[in-house]
Amino acid sequence: MFARLIHALVASVLVLLPGNVLAQAYPTKPIRLIVPFSPGGTNDILARMVATHLTETLGQTMIVDNRPGYQGIIGTDLAAKAAPDGYTLVMISSAYTMNPVTLKMPYDSIRALEFVAKIGASFLVLSVGPLLPVNSVKDLLAAAGRRPGEIVLASSGGFMHFASALFQSLSKQKFNIVLYKGGFPAMMDVIGGQAHAHFAVSVPALPHLRSGRLKGLAVGTLKRADLLPDLPTLDEEGIKGYDAANWYAVAAPAGTPRAIVMKLHNEITRYFTAPEMRKTMTAMGAVIDIKTPDEMRKIIPAEIAKWTQVAIDAGMPRAVK
């Protein structure tokens, strides 16, 4: 209660300042960018790109602060409860709109944040380790059919949990979905043989797919990926209608002044839409898809509704309200 009162006072003082004055003065001290997942994952990679650029252009250090746990909720809650002054930001992803479907939330997912900018999205690759005698989706489904509930499908919760549950539901096979604290640890266990398969996010997985440390079986979009044109889609492999992609965005605590939000949005947009950055993102396996704060306010509730239906269809446990 006391923290909320302080935040309200801070916000009320900031609102009294003209927008152009706020934007010109900001920032006057280091900015913290919270990543609510482990280092090494896509959220972390993109956050560090954002931090490097804004440190250079805004003249103040942006510090990346990894706060993994509870499927990204711990770090996001920390950001949501921070002072709405532009000095705490958070990197969110599709998990932000999935968590309220299955978990009891400490914040209101629609109202807790100001959505600064959606940056883009990455595709998924259903992958297995190099030592597993599986070379196709049909091989994996056959193994699951012979050993129901024994094939470990590593997941990092949130978006990856939904992607895995959707695959299990549409494939009509029983997997052992094991939740990790982040996508990177899950991927490392698949590479090391401690888990059998997982949905690898394209950005961190591409180097391992190219080196042979991971074997890609199919992509999780309805269209083949330009970077991996030889990999079929899951839809082509008989998992009809499978379509899942993970998006990434920068957000701030609700009540952050519009002038600061738009200054950040404009800088992030300028950075990611530059021709050289488009090439970099494409090589990483990511697609640039910039959305404004106003557009994100419409996307968030629509995504929550979408994944609620997926959870119902897949028989996933629902959040207790």
C-alpha atoms as a PDB file:
ATOM      1  CA  MET A   1       0.000   0.000   0.000  1.00  0.00           C
ATOM      2  CA  PHE A   2       2.800   2.420   0.935  1.00  0.00           C
ATOM      3  CA  ALA A   3       4.669   1.615  -2.283  1.00  0.00           C
ATOM      4  CA  ARG A   4       1.545   2.285  -4.345  1.00  0.00           C
ATOM      5  CA  LEU A   5       1.058   5.628  -2.597  1.00  0.00           C
ATOM      6  CA  ILE A   6       4.633   6.653  -3.400  1.00  0.00           C
ATOM      7  CA  HIS A   7       4.166   5.616  -7.039  1.00  0.00           C
ATOM      8  CA  ALA A   8       0.951   7.623  -7.245  1.00  0.00           C
ATOM      9  CA  LEU A   9       2.696  10.699  -5.840  1.00  0.00           C
ATOM     10  CA  VAL A  10       5.574  10.291  -8.309  1.00  0.00           C
ATOM     11  CA  ALA A  11       3.147   9.938 -11.196  1.00  0.00           C
ATOM     12  CA  SER A  12       1.117  12.976 -10.121  1.00  0.00           C
ATOM     13  CA  VAL A  13       4.233  15.154  -9.965  1.00  0.00           C
ATOM     14  CA  LEU A  14       5.410  13.961 -13.390  1.00  0.00           C
ATOM     15  CA  VAL A  15       2.024  14.605 -14.955  1.00  0.00           C
ATOM     16  CA  LEU A  16       2.268  18.283 -13.955  1.00  0.00           C
ATOM     17  CA  LEU A  17       5.426  18.716 -16.051  1.00  0.00           C
ATOM     18  CA  PRO A  18       5.019  19.592 -19.747  1.00  0.00           C
ATOM     19  CA  GLY A  19       5.616  16.590 -22.018  1.00  0.00           C
ATOM     20  CA  ASN A  20       8.388  18.240 -24.009  1.00  0.00           C
ATOM     21  CA  VAL A  21      10.239  19.175 -20.811  1.00  0.00           C
ATOM     22  CA  LEU A  22      10.019  15.603 -19.557  1.00  0.00           C
ATOM     23  CA  ALA A  23      11.230  14.158 -22.852  1.00  0.00           C
ATOM     24  CA  GLN A  24      14.139  16.588 -23.131  1.00  0.00           C
ATOM     25  CA  ALA A  25      15.328  16.048 -19.549  1.00  0.00           C
ATOM     26  CA  TYR A  26      14.941  12.256 -19.554  1.00  0.00           C
ATOM     27  CA  PRO A  27      17.060  10.348 -18.666  1.00  0.00           C
ATOM     28  CA  THR A  28      19.206  11.877 -15.928  1.00  0.00           C
ATOM     29  CA  LYS A  29      20.340   8.598 -14.325  1.00  0.00           C
ATOM     30  CA  PRO A  30      20.876   4.928 -15.276  1.00  0.00           C
ATOM     31  CA  ILE A  31      17.874   2.922 -16.499  1.00  0.00           C
ATOM     32  CA  ARG A  32      17.182  -0.660 -15.468  1.00  0.00           C
ATOM     33  CA  LEU A  33      15.825  -3.092 -18.070  1.00  0.00           C
ATOM     34  CA  ILE A  34      14.469  -6.183 -16.310  1.00  0.00           C
ATOM     35  CA  VAL A  35      14.553  -9.476 -18.193  1.00  0.00           C
ATOM     36  CA  PRO A  36      12.235 -11.901 -16.363  1.00  0.00           C
ATOM     37  CA  PHE A  37      14.023 -14.950 -17.757  1.00  0.00           C
ATOM     38  CA  SER A  38      17.475 -16.544 -17.566  1.00  0.00           C
ATOM     39  CA  PRO A  39      20.450 -15.159 -19.536  1.00  0.00           C
ATOM     40  CA  GLY A  40      20.985 -16.573 -23.019  1.00  0.00           C
ATOM     41  CA  GLY A  41      17.373 -16.707 -24.208  1.00  0.00           C
ATOM     42  CA  THR A  42      15.772 -14.537 -26.879  1.00  0.00           C
ATOM     43  CA  ASN A  43      14.364 -12.039 -24.367  1.00  0.00           C
ATOM     44  CA  ASP A  44      17.873 -11.582 -22.978  1.00  0.00           C
ATOM     45  CA  ILE A  45      19.543 -11.269 -26.394  1.00  0.00           C
ATOM     46  CA  LEU A  46      17.105  -8.603 -27.585  1.00  0.00           C
ATOM     47  CA  ALA A  47      17.201  -6.785 -24.239  1.00  0.00           C
ATOM     48  CA  ARG A  48      20.975  -6.450 -24.473  1.00  0.00           C
ATOM     49  CA  MET A  49      20.669  -5.095 -28.009  1.00  0.00           C
ATOM     50  CA  VAL A  50      18.146  -2.513 -26.775  1.00  0.00           C
ATOM     51  CA  ALA A  51      20.344  -1.646 -23.777  1.00  0.00           C
ATOM     52  CA  THR A  52      23.436  -1.129 -25.919  1.00  0.00           C
ATOM     53  CA  HIS A  53      21.601   1.167 -28.328  1.00  0.00           C
ATOM     54  CA  LEU A  54      19.809   3.250 -25.691  1.00  0.00           C
ATOM     55  CA  THR A  55      22.976   3.610 -23.637  1.00  0.00           C
ATOM     56  CA  GLU A  56      24.616   5.163 -26.690  1.00  0.00           C
ATOM     57  CA  THR A  57      21.729   7.366 -27.818  1.00  0.00           C
ATOM     58  CA  LEU A  58      20.268   8.508 -24.479  1.00  0.00           C
ATOM     59  CA  GLY A  59      23.572   9.206 -22.785  1.00  0.00           C
ATOM     60  CA  GLN A  60      22.827   7.148 -19.682  1.00  0.00           C
ATOM     61  CA  THR A  61      23.742   3.556 -18.909  1.00  0.00           C
ATOM     62  CA  MET A  62      20.985   0.998 -19.340  1.00  0.00           C
ATOM     63  CA  ILE A  63      21.546  -1.994 -17.073  1.00  0.00           C
ATOM     64  CA  VAL A  64      20.099  -5.410 -17.989  1.00  0.00           C
ATOM     65  CA  ASP A  65      18.811  -7.112 -14.833  1.00  0.00           C
ATOM     66  CA  ASN A  66      17.900 -10.819 -15.216  1.00  0.00           C
ATOM     67  CA  ARG A  67      15.199 -11.842 -12.724  1.00  0.00           C
ATOM     68  CA  PRO A  68      14.018 -15.322 -13.762  1.00  0.00           C
ATOM     69  CA  GLY A  69      11.379 -17.340 -11.995  1.00  0.00           C
ATOM     70  CA  TYR A  70       7.709 -18.338 -11.998  1.00  0.00           C
ATOM     71  CA  GLN A  71       7.480 -18.263 -15.799  1.00  0.00           C
ATOM     72  CA  GLY A  72       8.565 -14.637 -16.018  1.00  0.00           C
ATOM     73  CA  ILE A  73       6.089 -13.373 -13.441  1.00  0.00           C
ATOM     74  CA  ILE A  74       8.616 -12.520 -10.704  1.00  0.00           C
ATOM     75  CA  GLY A  75      10.620 -10.100 -12.825  1.00  0.00           C
ATOM     76  CA  THR A  76       7.535  -8.641 -14.491  1.00  0.00           C
ATOM     77  CA  ASP A  77       5.877  -8.060 -11.113  1.00  0.00           C
ATOM     78  CA  LEU A  78       9.014  -6.266  -9.936  1.00  0.00           C
ATOM     79  CA  ALA A  79       8.758  -3.929 -12.923  1.00  0.00           C
ATOM     80  CA  ALA A  80       4.998  -3.434 -12.565  1.00  0.00           C
ATOM     81  CA  LYS A  81       5.452  -2.265  -8.963  1.00  0.00           C
ATOM     82  CA  ALA A  82       8.387   0.065  -9.719  1.00  0.00           C
ATOM     83  CA  ALA A  83       8.042   3.845  -9.793  1.00  0.00           C
ATOM     84  CA  PRO A  84       6.457   4.958 -13.107  1.00  0.00           C
ATOM     85  CA  ASP A  85       9.256   7.380 -13.943  1.00  0.00           C
ATOM     86  CA  GLY A  86      10.909   5.709 -16.947  1.00  0.00           C
ATOM     87  CA  TYR A  87      13.866   4.320 -15.012  1.00  0.00           C
ATOM     88  CA  THR A  88      12.554   0.757 -14.824  1.00  0.00           C
ATOM     89  CA  LEU A  89      11.613  -1.108 -17.983  1.00  0.00           C
ATOM     90  CA  VAL A  90      10.874  -4.779 -18.632  1.00  0.00           C
ATOM     91  CA  MET A  91      11.227  -7.094 -21.620  1.00  0.00           C
ATOM     92  CA  ILE A  92       8.013  -9.058 -22.086  1.00  0.00           C
ATOM     93  CA  SER A  93       7.011 -11.746 -24.562  1.00  0.00           C
ATOM     94  CA  SER A  94       3.995 -13.855 -25.506  1.00  0.00           C
ATOM     95  CA  ALA A  95       4.212 -15.471 -22.059  1.00  0.00           C
ATOM     96  CA  TYR A  96       2.828 -12.222 -20.668  1.00  0.00           C
ATOM     97  CA  THR A  97      -0.547 -12.953 -22.289  1.00  0.00           C
ATOM     98  CA  MET A  98      -0.500 -16.671 -21.470  1.00  0.00           C
ATOM     99  CA  ASN A  99       0.384 -16.612 -17.786  1.00  0.00           C
ATOM    100  CA  PRO A 100      -2.957 -15.114 -16.650  1.00  0.00           C
ATOM    101  CA  VAL A 101      -4.763 -17.981 -18.379  1.00  0.00           C
ATOM    102  CA  THR A 102      -3.216 -20.681 -16.181  1.00  0.00           C
ATOM    103  CA  LEU A 103      -1.674 -18.911 -13.191  1.00  0.00           C
ATOM    104  CA  LYS A 104      -2.847 -16.661 -10.382  1.00  0.00           C
ATOM    105  CA  MET A 105      -1.317 -13.279 -11.120  1.00  0.00           C
ATOM    106  CA  PRO A 106       0.048 -10.673  -8.675  1.00  0.00           C
ATOM    107  CA  TYR A 107      -0.783  -7.924 -11.190  1.00  0.00           C
ATOM    108  CA  ASP A 108      -3.457  -7.078 -13.765  1.00  0.00           C
ATOM    109  CA  SER A 109      -1.995  -8.128 -17.120  1.00  0.00           C
ATOM    110  CA  ILE A 110      -4.066  -5.595 -19.038  1.00  0.00           C
ATOM    111  CA  ARG A 111      -3.490  -2.571 -16.773  1.00  0.00           C
ATOM    112  CA  ALA A 112      -0.154  -3.178 -14.974  1.00  0.00           C
ATOM    113  CA  LEU A 113       2.150  -1.932 -17.736  1.00  0.00           C
ATOM    114  CA  GLU A 114       2.592   0.735 -20.378  1.00  0.00           C
ATOM    115  CA  PHE A 115       3.596  -1.083 -23.563  1.00  0.00           C
ATOM    116  CA  VAL A 116       6.467   0.928 -25.039  1.00  0.00           C
ATOM    117  CA  ALA A 117       7.066  -1.023 -28.251  1.00  0.00           C
ATOM    118  CA  LYS A 118       6.625  -4.458 -29.722  1.00  0.00           C
ATOM    119  CA  ILE A 119       9.912  -5.272 -31.472  1.00  0.00           C
ATOM    120  CA  GLY A 120       9.293  -8.478 -33.391  1.00  0.00           C
ATOM    121  CA  ALA A 121       8.816 -12.218 -33.217  1.00  0.00           C
ATOM    122  CA  SER A 122      10.702 -15.473 -33.585  1.00  0.00           C
ATOM    123  CA  PHE A 123       9.609 -18.857 -34.902  1.00  0.00           C
ATOM    124  CA  LEU A 124       9.823 -22.217 -33.174  1.00  0.00           C
ATOM    125  CA  VAL A 125      11.658 -25.329 -34.288  1.00  0.00           C
ATOM    126  CA  LEU A 126      10.669 -28.723 -32.919  1.00  0.00           C
ATOM    127  CA  SER A 127      14.124 -30.137 -32.137  1.00  0.00           C
ATOM    128  CA  VAL A 128      15.814 -33.193 -30.651  1.00  0.00           C
ATOM    129  CA  GLY A 129      19.335 -33.919 -29.422  1.00  0.00           C
ATOM    130  CA  PRO A 130      21.992 -35.328 -31.782  1.00  0.00           C
ATOM    131  CA  LEU A 131      22.116 -38.745 -30.106  1.00  0.00           C
ATOM    132  CA  LEU A 132      18.368 -39.446 -30.160  1.00  0.00           C
ATOM    133  CA  PRO A 133      17.499 -41.912 -32.967  1.00  0.00           C
ATOM    134  CA  VAL A 134      14.736 -39.637 -34.258  1.00  0.00           C
ATOM    135  CA  ASN A 135      14.945 -37.886 -37.622  1.00  0.00           C
ATOM    136  CA  SER A 136      11.394 -36.744 -38.308  1.00  0.00           C
ATOM    137  CA  VAL A 137       8.177 -35.736 -36.597  1.00  0.00           C
ATOM    138  CA  LYS A 138       6.764 -39.156 -37.457  1.00  0.00           C
ATOM    139  CA  ASP A 139       9.722 -40.809 -35.693  1.00  0.00           C
ATOM    140  CA  LEU A 140       9.105 -38.692 -32.583  1.00  0.00           C
ATOM    141  CA  LEU A 141       5.387 -39.462 -32.543  1.00  0.00           C
ATOM    142  CA  ALA A 142       6.118 -43.167 -33.002  1.00  0.00           C
ATOM    143  CA  ALA A 143       8.505 -43.089 -30.026  1.00  0.00           C
ATOM    144  CA  ALA A 144       5.867 -41.328 -27.937  1.00  0.00           C
ATOM    145  CA  GLY A 145       3.312 -43.928 -28.990  1.00  0.00           C
ATOM    146  CA  ARG A 146       5.591 -46.756 -27.858  1.00  0.00           C
ATOM    147  CA  ARG A 147       6.440 -45.035 -24.562  1.00  0.00           C
ATOM    148  CA  PRO A 148       3.428 -42.918 -23.524  1.00  0.00           C
ATOM    149  CA  GLY A 149       4.395 -40.218 -21.026  1.00  0.00           C
ATOM    150  CA  GLU A 150       8.108 -41.103 -21.103  1.00  0.00           C
ATOM    151  CA  ILE A 151       9.414 -38.878 -23.902  1.00  0.00           C
ATOM    152  CA  VAL A 152      10.554 -35.675 -22.171  1.00  0.00           C
ATOM    153  CA  LEU A 153       9.460 -32.513 -23.952  1.00  0.00           C
ATOM    154  CA  ALA A 154      11.508 -29.750 -22.303  1.00  0.00           C
ATOM    155  CA  SER A 155       9.639 -26.472 -21.875  1.00  0.00           C
ATOM    156  CA  SER A 156      10.318 -23.169 -20.151  1.00  0.00           C
ATOM    157  CA  GLY A 157       6.753 -22.428 -19.123  1.00  0.00           C
ATOM    158  CA  GLY A 158       4.613 -19.581 -20.372  1.00  0.00           C
ATOM    159  CA  PHE A 159       4.688 -19.475 -24.165  1.00  0.00           C
ATOM    160  CA  MET A 160       6.716 -22.664 -24.444  1.00  0.00           C
ATOM    161  CA  HIS A 161       4.286 -24.502 -22.186  1.00  0.00           C
ATOM    162  CA  PHE A 162       1.405 -23.463 -24.421  1.00  0.00           C
ATOM    163  CA  ALA A 163       3.367 -24.427 -27.544  1.00  0.00           C
ATOM    164  CA  SER A 164       4.168 -27.841 -26.046  1.00  0.00           C
ATOM    165  CA  ALA A 165       0.618 -28.435 -24.801  1.00  0.00           C
ATOM    166  CA  LEU A 166      -0.796 -27.492 -28.191  1.00  0.00           C
ATOM    167  CA  PHE A 167       1.568 -29.968 -29.858  1.00  0.00           C
ATOM    168  CA  GLN A 168       0.585 -32.726 -27.426  1.00  0.00           C
ATOM    169  CA  SER A 169      -3.106 -32.013 -27.952  1.00  0.00           C
ATOM    170  CA  LEU A 170      -2.975 -31.883 -31.763  1.00  0.00           C
ATOM    171  CA  SER A 171      -0.626 -34.880 -32.070  1.00  0.00           C
ATOM    172  CA  LYS A 172      -2.830 -36.978 -29.780  1.00  0.00           C
ATOM    173  CA  GLN A 173       0.284 -38.400 -28.076  1.00  0.00           C
ATOM    174  CA  LYS A 174       1.253 -38.258 -24.408  1.00  0.00           C
ATOM    175  CA  PHE A 175       4.573 -36.530 -23.605  1.00  0.00           C
ATOM    176  CA  ASN A 176       6.247 -35.727 -20.295  1.00  0.00           C
ATOM    177  CA  ILE A 177       6.313 -31.914 -20.446  1.00  0.00           C
ATOM    178  CA  VAL A 178       9.012 -30.731 -18.017  1.00  0.00           C
ATOM    179  CA  LEU A 179       9.137 -27.026 -17.139  1.00  0.00           C
ATOM    180  CA  TYR A 180      12.488 -25.204 -16.880  1.00  0.00           C
ATOM    181  CA  LYS A 181      13.226 -21.664 -15.647  1.00  0.00           C
ATOM    182  CA  GLY A 182      14.160 -20.544 -19.151  1.00  0.00           C
ATOM    183  CA  GLY A 183      14.444 -21.612 -22.774  1.00  0.00           C
ATOM    184  CA  PHE A 184      18.234 -21.705 -22.720  1.00  0.00           C
ATOM    185  CA  PRO A 185      18.526 -24.290 -19.871  1.00  0.00           C
ATOM    186  CA  ALA A 186      15.859 -26.397 -21.593  1.00  0.00           C
ATOM    187  CA  MET A 187      17.788 -26.308 -24.867  1.00  0.00           C
ATOM    188  CA  MET A 188      21.055 -27.230 -23.136  1.00  0.00           C
ATOM    189  CA  ASP A 189      19.430 -30.307 -21.571  1.00  0.00           C
ATOM    190  CA  VAL A 190      18.149 -31.444 -24.977  1.00  0.00           C
ATOM    191  CA  ILE A 191      21.615 -30.989 -26.459  1.00  0.00           C
ATOM    192  CA  GLY A 192      23.154 -32.848 -23.510  1.00  0.00           C
ATOM    193  CA  GLY A 193      20.665 -35.729 -23.655  1.00  0.00           C
ATOM    194  CA  GLN A 194      18.938 -35.053 -20.315  1.00  0.00           C
ATOM    195  CA  ALA A 195      15.709 -34.314 -22.239  1.00  0.00           C
ATOM    196  CA  HIS A 196      14.492 -35.764 -25.544  1.00  0.00           C
ATOM    197  CA  ALA A 197      12.909 -32.882 -27.459  1.00  0.00           C
ATOM    198  CA  HIS A 198      11.717 -29.306 -27.182  1.00  0.00           C
ATOM    199  CA  PHE A 199      10.448 -26.347 -29.145  1.00  0.00           C
ATOM    200  CA  ALA A 200      13.588 -24.321 -29.760  1.00  0.00           C
ATOM    201  CA  VAL A 201      13.163 -20.580 -30.225  1.00  0.00           C
ATOM    202  CA  SER A 202      14.822 -19.648 -33.519  1.00  0.00           C
ATOM    203  CA  VAL A 203      17.102 -16.861 -32.265  1.00  0.00           C
ATOM    204  CA  PRO A 204      19.249 -18.808 -29.749  1.00  0.00           C
ATOM    205  CA  ALA A 205      18.779 -22.182 -31.490  1.00  0.00           C
ATOM    206  CA  LEU A 206      20.007 -21.374 -35.004  1.00  0.00           C
ATOM    207  CA  PRO A 207      23.742 -21.728 -34.232  1.00  0.00           C
ATOM    208  CA  HIS A 208      23.120 -25.143 -32.639  1.00  0.00           C
ATOM    209  CA  LEU A 209      20.919 -26.278 -35.531  1.00  0.00           C
ATOM    210  CA  ARG A 210      23.594 -25.256 -38.019  1.00  0.00           C
ATOM    211  CA  SER A 211      26.384 -26.963 -36.054  1.00  0.00           C
ATOM    212  CA  GLY A 212      24.421 -30.204 -35.623  1.00  0.00           C
ATOM    213  CA  ARG A 213      24.179 -29.963 -31.835  1.00  0.00           C
ATOM    214  CA  LEU A 214      20.406 -29.891 -32.384  1.00  0.00           C
ATOM    215  CA  LYS A 215      18.382 -31.734 -35.024  1.00  0.00           C
ATOM    216  CA  GLY A 216      15.451 -29.716 -36.333  1.00  0.00           C
ATOM    217  CA  LEU A 217      12.347 -31.720 -37.242  1.00  0.00           C
ATOM    218  CA  ALA A 218       9.835 -29.018 -38.219  1.00  0.00           C
ATOM    219  CA  VAL A 219       8.969 -25.345 -37.750  1.00  0.00           C
ATOM    220  CA  GLY A 220       5.949 -24.223 -35.735  1.00  0.00           C
ATOM    221  CA  THR A 221       4.506 -21.778 -38.258  1.00  0.00           C
ATOM    222  CA  LEU A 222       2.148 -22.411 -41.161  1.00  0.00           C
ATOM    223  CA  LYS A 223       4.777 -21.164 -43.621  1.00  0.00           C
ATOM    224  CA  ARG A 224       8.313 -22.549 -43.950  1.00  0.00           C
ATOM    225  CA  ALA A 225      11.070 -20.358 -42.519  1.00  0.00           C
ATOM    226  CA  ASP A 226      13.332 -18.652 -45.054  1.00  0.00           C
ATOM    227  CA  LEU A 227      16.402 -19.443 -42.926  1.00  0.00           C
ATOM    228  CA  LEU A 228      15.534 -23.159 -42.733  1.00  0.00           C
ATOM    229  CA  PRO A 229      13.739 -23.809 -46.023  1.00  0.00           C
ATOM    230  CA  ASP A 230      14.355 -27.565 -45.947  1.00  0.00           C
ATOM    231  CA  LEU A 231      12.472 -28.025 -42.685  1.00  0.00           C
ATOM    232  CA  PRO A 232       8.770 -28.810 -43.149  1.00  0.00           C
ATOM    233  CA  THR A 233       6.080 -27.173 -41.079  1.00  0.00           C
ATOM    234  CA  LEU A 234       4.307 -29.175 -38.384  1.00  0.00           C
ATOM    235  CA  ASP A 235       1.145 -28.715 -40.417  1.00  0.00           C
ATOM    236  CA  GLU A 236       2.861 -30.437 -43.363  1.00  0.00           C
ATOM    237  CA  GLU A 237       3.944 -33.242 -41.040  1.00  0.00           C
ATOM    238  CA  GLY A 238       0.370 -34.004 -40.047  1.00  0.00           C
ATOM    239  CA  ILE A 239      -0.044 -31.743 -36.995  1.00  0.00           C
ATOM    240  CA  LYS A 240      -2.804 -29.866 -38.761  1.00  0.00           C
ATOM    241  CA  GLY A 241      -3.331 -26.228 -37.843  1.00  0.00           C
ATOM    242  CA  TYR A 242      -0.280 -25.924 -35.604  1.00  0.00           C
ATOM    243  CA  ASP A 243       0.811 -22.277 -35.546  1.00  0.00           C
ATOM    244  CA  ALA A 244       2.761 -20.557 -32.737  1.00  0.00           C
ATOM    245  CA  ALA A 245       5.273 -17.707 -32.768  1.00  0.00           C
ATOM    246  CA  ASN A 246       6.755 -15.778 -29.852  1.00  0.00           C
ATOM    247  CA  TRP A 247       6.746 -11.970 -29.834  1.00  0.00           C
ATOM    248  CA  TYR A 248       8.901  -9.576 -27.779  1.00  0.00           C
ATOM    249  CA  ALA A 249       8.220  -6.089 -26.466  1.00  0.00           C
ATOM    250  CA  VAL A 250       9.560  -3.452 -24.091  1.00  0.00           C
ATOM    251  CA  ALA A 251       7.198  -2.182 -21.401  1.00  0.00           C
ATOM    252  CA  ALA A 252       7.199   0.203 -18.421  1.00  0.00           C
ATOM    253  CA  PRO A 253       5.132   0.479 -15.225  1.00  0.00           C
ATOM    254  CA  ALA A 254       1.601   1.796 -15.726  1.00  0.00           C
ATOM    255  CA  GLY A 255       1.493   5.546 -15.268  1.00  0.00           C
ATOM    256  CA  THR A 256       4.844   6.226 -16.915  1.00  0.00           C
ATOM    257  CA  PRO A 257       4.452   9.611 -18.641  1.00  0.00           C
ATOM    258  CA  ARG A 258       3.443   9.437 -22.278  1.00  0.00           C
ATOM    259  CA  ALA A 259       6.316  11.704 -23.318  1.00  0.00           C
ATOM    260  CA  ILE A 260       8.885   9.280 -21.876  1.00  0.00           C
ATOM    261  CA  VAL A 261       7.108   6.251 -23.330  1.00  0.00           C
ATOM    262  CA  MET A 262       7.087   7.804 -26.803  1.00  0.00           C
ATOM    263  CA  LYS A 263      10.722   8.914 -26.572  1.00  0.00           C
ATOM    264  CA  LEU A 264      11.695   5.315 -25.821  1.00  0.00           C
ATOM    265  CA  HIS A 265       9.346   3.995 -28.503  1.00  0.00           C
ATOM    266  CA  ASN A 266      10.806   6.275 -31.157  1.00  0.00           C
ATOM    267  CA  GLU A 267      14.410   5.360 -30.290  1.00  0.00           C
ATOM    268  CA  ILE A 268      13.662   1.615 -30.266  1.00  0.00           C
ATOM    269  CA  THR A 269      11.756   1.886 -33.562  1.00  0.00           C
ATOM    270  CA  ARG A 270      14.564   3.856 -35.207  1.00  0.00           C
ATOM    271  CA  TYR A 271      17.087   1.227 -34.123  1.00  0.00           C
ATOM    272  CA  PHE A 272      15.211  -1.893 -35.197  1.00  0.00           C
ATOM    273  CA  THR A 273      13.948  -0.521 -38.529  1.00  0.00           C
ATOM    274  CA  ALA A 274      17.406   0.490 -39.742  1.00  0.00           C
ATOM    275  CA  PRO A 275      18.427  -1.585 -42.818  1.00  0.00           C
ATOM    276  CA  GLU A 276      21.457  -3.113 -41.110  1.00  0.00           C
ATOM    277  CA  MET A 277      19.369  -4.167 -38.099  1.00  0.00           C
ATOM    278  CA  ARG A 278      16.807  -5.818 -40.341  1.00  0.00           C
ATOM    279  CA  LYS A 279      19.610  -7.922 -41.789  1.00  0.00           C
ATOM    280  CA  THR A 280      20.880  -8.759 -38.311  1.00  0.00           C
ATOM    281  CA  MET A 281      17.438  -9.791 -37.057  1.00  0.00           C
ATOM    282  CA  THR A 282      16.779 -11.892 -40.154  1.00  0.00           C
ATOM    283  CA  ALA A 283      20.100 -13.697 -39.717  1.00  0.00           C
ATOM    284  CA  MET A 284      19.149 -14.379 -36.089  1.00  0.00           C
ATOM    285  CA  GLY A 285      15.852 -15.919 -37.138  1.00  0.00           C
ATOM    286  CA  ALA A 286      13.647 -13.068 -35.949  1.00  0.00           C
ATOM    287  CA  VAL A 287      11.092 -10.983 -37.823  1.00  0.00           C
ATOM    288  CA  ILE A 288      10.767  -7.256 -37.078  1.00  0.00           C
ATOM    289  CA  ASP A 289       7.181  -6.303 -36.260  1.00  0.00           C
ATOM    290  CA  ILE A 290       7.035  -2.870 -34.604  1.00  0.00           C
ATOM    291  CA  LYS A 291       3.813  -1.967 -32.803  1.00  0.00           C
ATOM    292  CA  THR A 292       2.958   1.288 -31.036  1.00  0.00           C
ATOM    293  CA  PRO A 293       1.776   1.609 -27.410  1.00  0.00           C
ATOM    294  CA  ASP A 294      -1.794   2.162 -28.624  1.00  0.00           C
ATOM    295  CA  GLU A 295      -1.666  -0.922 -30.845  1.00  0.00           C
ATOM    296  CA  MET A 296      -0.291  -3.017 -27.979  1.00  0.00           C
ATOM    297  CA  ARG A 297      -3.201  -1.999 -25.742  1.00  0.00           C
ATOM    298  CA  LYS A 298      -5.483  -3.759 -28.245  1.00  0.00           C
ATOM    299  CA  ILE A 299      -3.181  -6.729 -28.855  1.00  0.00           C
ATOM    300  CA  ILE A 300      -2.761  -7.724 -25.190  1.00  0.00           C
ATOM    301  CA  PRO A 301      -6.445  -8.495 -24.377  1.00  0.00           C
ATOM    302  CA  ALA A 302      -6.913 -10.146 -27.779  1.00  0.00           C
ATOM    303  CA  GLU A 303      -3.917 -12.427 -27.121  1.00  0.00           C
ATOM    304  CA  ILE A 304      -5.206 -13.352 -23.659  1.00  0.00           C
ATOM    305  CA  ALA A 305      -8.535 -14.356 -25.208  1.00  0.00           C
ATOM    306  CA  LYS A 306      -6.765 -16.386 -27.905  1.00  0.00           C
ATOM    307  CA  TRP A 307      -4.623 -18.378 -25.465  1.00  0.00           C
ATOM    308  CA  THR A 308      -7.532 -18.898 -23.127  1.00  0.00           C
ATOM    309  CA  GLN A 309      -9.220 -20.825 -25.921  1.00  0.00           C
ATOM    310  CA  VAL A 310      -6.018 -22.780 -26.623  1.00  0.00           C
ATOM    311  CA  ALA A 311      -5.840 -23.749 -22.941  1.00  0.00           C
ATOM    312  CA  ILE A 312      -9.456 -24.909 -23.004  1.00  0.00           C
ATOM    313  CA  ASP A 313      -8.921 -26.927 -26.177  1.00  0.00           C
ATOM    314  CA  ALA A 314      -5.682 -28.488 -24.848  1.00  0.00           C
ATOM    315  CA  GLY A 315      -7.161 -29.282 -21.433  1.00  0.00           C
ATOM    316  CA  MET A 316      -4.554 -27.209 -19.583  1.00  0.00           C
ATOM    317  CA  PRO A 317      -5.237 -26.368 -15.915  1.00  0.00           C
ATOM    318  CA  ARG A 318      -6.882 -22.952 -15.605  1.00  0.00           C
ATOM    319  CA  ALA A 319      -6.003 -20.131 -13.223  1.00  0.00           C
ATOM    320  CA  VAL A 320      -7.977 -19.936  -9.990  1.00  0.00           C
ATOM    321  CA  LYS A 321      -9.479 -16.460  -9.840  1.00  0.00           C
END
